[in-house]
Structures are given as structure tokens and as C-alpha cells.
C-alpha atoms as a PDB file:
ATOM      1  CA  UNK A   1      69.775 106.469  96.167  1.00  0.00           C
ATOM      2  CA  UNK A   2      73.298 106.809  94.662  1.00  0.00           C
ATOM      3  CA  UNK A   3      75.556 109.674  95.707  1.00  0.00           C
ATOM      4  CA  UNK A   4      76.490 111.624  92.560  1.00  0.00           C
ATOM      5  CA  UNK A   5      79.493 113.251  94.133  1.00  0.00           C
ATOM      6  CA  UNK A   6      82.929 111.827  93.182  1.00  0.00           C
ATOM      7  CA  UNK A   7      84.849 109.619  95.589  1.00  0.00           C
ATOM      8  CA  UNK A   8      88.151 110.889  96.871  1.00  0.00           C
ATOM      9  CA  UNK A   9      91.304 108.896  97.759  1.00  0.00           C
ATOM     10  CA  UNK A  10      93.331 109.572 100.904  1.00  0.00           C
ATOM     11  CA  UNK A  11      95.338 112.221  99.117  1.00  0.00           C
ATOM     12  CA  UNK A  12      92.254 114.210  98.134  1.00  0.00           C
ATOM     13  CA  UNK A  13      92.370 113.275  94.496  1.00  0.00           C
ATOM     14  CA  UNK A  14      89.202 112.285  92.672  1.00  0.00           C
ATOM     15  CA  UNK A  15      88.911 108.507  92.348  1.00  0.00           C
ATOM     16  CA  UNK A  16      87.167 107.636  89.062  1.00  0.00           C
ATOM     17  CA  UNK A  17      84.362 105.278  88.794  1.00  0.00           C
ATOM     18  CA  UNK A  18      85.847 101.846  87.975  1.00  0.00           C
ATOM     19  CA  UNK A  19      83.530 101.609  84.930  1.00  0.00           C
ATOM     20  CA  UNK A  20      85.250 104.741  83.451  1.00  0.00           C
ATOM     21  CA  UNK A  21      88.791 103.514  84.085  1.00  0.00           C
ATOM     22  CA  UNK A  22      90.777 103.045  80.827  1.00  0.00           C
ATOM     23  CA  UNK A  23      93.778 100.865  80.003  1.00  0.00           C
ATOM     24  CA  UNK A  24      96.111 103.182  78.035  1.00  0.00           C
ATOM     25  CA  UNK A  25      99.218 102.086  76.123  1.00  0.00           C
ATOM     26  CA  UNK A  26     101.912 104.631  75.636  1.00  0.00           C
ATOM     27  CA  UNK A  27     104.639 103.636  73.061  1.00  0.00           C
ATOM     28  CA  UNK A  28     107.521 105.554  74.524  1.00  0.00           C
ATOM     29  CA  UNK A  29     108.497 107.966  77.297  1.00  0.00           C
ATOM     30  CA  UNK A  30     107.137 111.456  76.223  1.00  0.00           C
ATOM     31  CA  UNK A  31     107.796 114.938  77.355  1.00  0.00           C
ATOM     32  CA  UNK A  32     105.241 116.220  79.971  1.00  0.00           C
ATOM     33  CA  UNK A  33     104.912 112.873  81.537  1.00  0.00           C
ATOM     34  CA  UNK A  34     101.395 111.907  80.219  1.00  0.00           C
ATOM     35  CA  UNK A  35     101.663 108.579  81.931  1.00  0.00           C
ATOM     36  CA  UNK A  36     101.724 110.391  85.353  1.00  0.00           C
ATOM     37  CA  UNK A  37      98.709 112.477  84.412  1.00  0.00           C
ATOM     38  CA  UNK A  38      96.720 109.427  83.234  1.00  0.00           C
ATOM     39  CA  UNK A  39      97.691 107.403  86.368  1.00  0.00           C
ATOM     40  CA  UNK A  40      96.731 110.352  88.578  1.00  0.00           C
ATOM     41  CA  UNK A  41      93.378 110.397  86.857  1.00  0.00           C
ATOM     42  CA  UNK A  42      92.961 106.722  87.856  1.00  0.00           C
ATOM     43  CA  UNK A  43      93.714 104.979  84.578  1.00  0.00           C
ATOM     44  CA  UNK A  44      95.805 101.889  84.077  1.00  0.00           C
ATOM     45  CA  UNK A  45      98.846 102.818  81.975  1.00  0.00           C
ATOM     46  CA  UNK A  46     101.286 100.530  80.125  1.00  0.00           C
ATOM     47  CA  UNK A  47     104.407 102.513  79.242  1.00  0.00           C
ATOM     48  CA  UNK A  48     106.852 100.953  76.839  1.00  0.00           C
ATOM     49  CA  UNK A  49     110.330 101.830  77.992  1.00  0.00           C
ATOM     50  CA  UNK A  50     112.234 101.036  74.731  1.00  0.00           C
ATOM     51  CA  UNK A  51     112.962 104.383  72.966  1.00  0.00           C
ATOM     52  CA  UNK A  52     113.018 102.875  69.478  1.00  0.00           C
ATOM     53  CA  UNK A  53     109.943 102.203  67.366  1.00  0.00           C
ATOM     54  CA  UNK A  54     107.854  99.190  68.289  1.00  0.00           C
ATOM     55  CA  UNK A  55     107.466  96.352  65.784  1.00  0.00           C
ATOM     56  CA  UNK A  56     104.063  95.720  64.422  1.00  0.00           C
ATOM     57  CA  UNK A  57     103.899  92.413  66.402  1.00  0.00           C
ATOM     58  CA  UNK A  58     104.911  94.217  69.551  1.00  0.00           C
ATOM     59  CA  UNK A  59     102.266  96.871  69.027  1.00  0.00           C
ATOM     60  CA  UNK A  60      99.556  94.307  68.444  1.00  0.00           C
ATOM     61  CA  UNK A  61     100.480  92.549  71.665  1.00  0.00           C
ATOM     62  CA  UNK A  62     100.545  95.797  73.632  1.00  0.00           C
ATOM     63  CA  UNK A  63      97.149  97.129  72.379  1.00  0.00           C
ATOM     64  CA  UNK A  64      95.302  93.861  72.878  1.00  0.00           C
ATOM     65  CA  UNK A  65      92.711  94.652  75.467  1.00  0.00           C
ATOM     66  CA  UNK A  66      93.644  98.324  75.605  1.00  0.00           C
ATOM     67  CA  UNK A  67      91.124 101.157  75.457  1.00  0.00           C
ATOM     68  CA  UNK A  68      93.563 103.755  74.057  1.00  0.00           C
ATOM     69  CA  UNK A  69      96.886 104.050  72.391  1.00  0.00           C
ATOM     70  CA  UNK A  70      99.177 107.140  72.709  1.00  0.00           C
ATOM     71  CA  UNK A  71     101.850 106.921  69.968  1.00  0.00           C
ATOM     72  CA  UNK A  72     104.095 109.182  68.007  1.00  0.00           C
ATOM     73  CA  UNK A  73     104.607 109.780  64.309  1.00  0.00           C
ATOM     74  CA  UNK A  74     107.537 107.334  64.113  1.00  0.00           C
ATOM     75  CA  UNK A  75     105.406 104.437  65.409  1.00  0.00           C
ATOM     76  CA  UNK A  76     104.228 102.594  62.378  1.00  0.00           C
ATOM     77  CA  UNK A  77     100.551 101.865  62.689  1.00  0.00           C
ATOM     78  CA  UNK A  78      99.589  99.823  59.711  1.00  0.00           C
ATOM     79  CA  UNK A  79      97.172  97.057  58.869  1.00  0.00           C
ATOM     80  CA  UNK A  80      94.028  96.290  60.845  1.00  0.00           C
ATOM     81  CA  UNK A  81      94.056  96.728  64.687  1.00  0.00           C
ATOM     82  CA  UNK A  82      92.991  93.908  66.914  1.00  0.00           C
ATOM     83  CA  UNK A  83      89.215  93.521  67.246  1.00  0.00           C
ATOM     84  CA  UNK A  84      89.251  94.878  70.803  1.00  0.00           C
ATOM     85  CA  UNK A  85      90.669  98.310  69.820  1.00  0.00           C
ATOM     86  CA  UNK A  86      88.518 101.162  68.661  1.00  0.00           C
ATOM     87  CA  UNK A  87      90.176 103.807  66.576  1.00  0.00           C
ATOM     88  CA  UNK A  88      88.912 107.391  66.932  1.00  0.00           C
ATOM     89  CA  UNK A  89      90.395 110.749  65.985  1.00  0.00           C
END
């Protein structure tokens, strides 16, 4: 029988089930440090450190294999995303 209670790490934080772990791409450093919140929740985060807008080619490379993209209004998202990315609102 599987224990339904969450597993905890040595610091007492809930350790997510590996099956629910997401790879999240963030296009720039944002206020509120969402990358820290996502990492604390057990997700893998790719944080782009360049403060300028990413090129289309750079975005395609970053999101390949990602589960989520956190971007801003100045990031130009155009064309068709890679087959591995699901867009939801």
C-alpha cells in the first residue's frame, strides 16, 4: 500500500513527487523571485540572466523540453512553438 502523505526533505519542505516535477523556463529576472518559489516547490528552473529580450532562436532552444514558460510582454513569442511545448492560458 502506498503512503499518500507527502515526503519531506531535511528542511521540512514538501518534496514533490518526481512525476509532478516541471522544467520551467523564465526569460528574465523578475520581481518577487518566482524562480526561488518554483525551486522551493521542487521544480527545475532555467533562468535566463540576460535582461534584454530573447531572440526567437534563443527562445526555441530554451523551451525545447520545457513544461512551462514564464515570460513578459516584451518577449516576442511568435510562430509555432516546438512540438514538446503545450500552450495553455
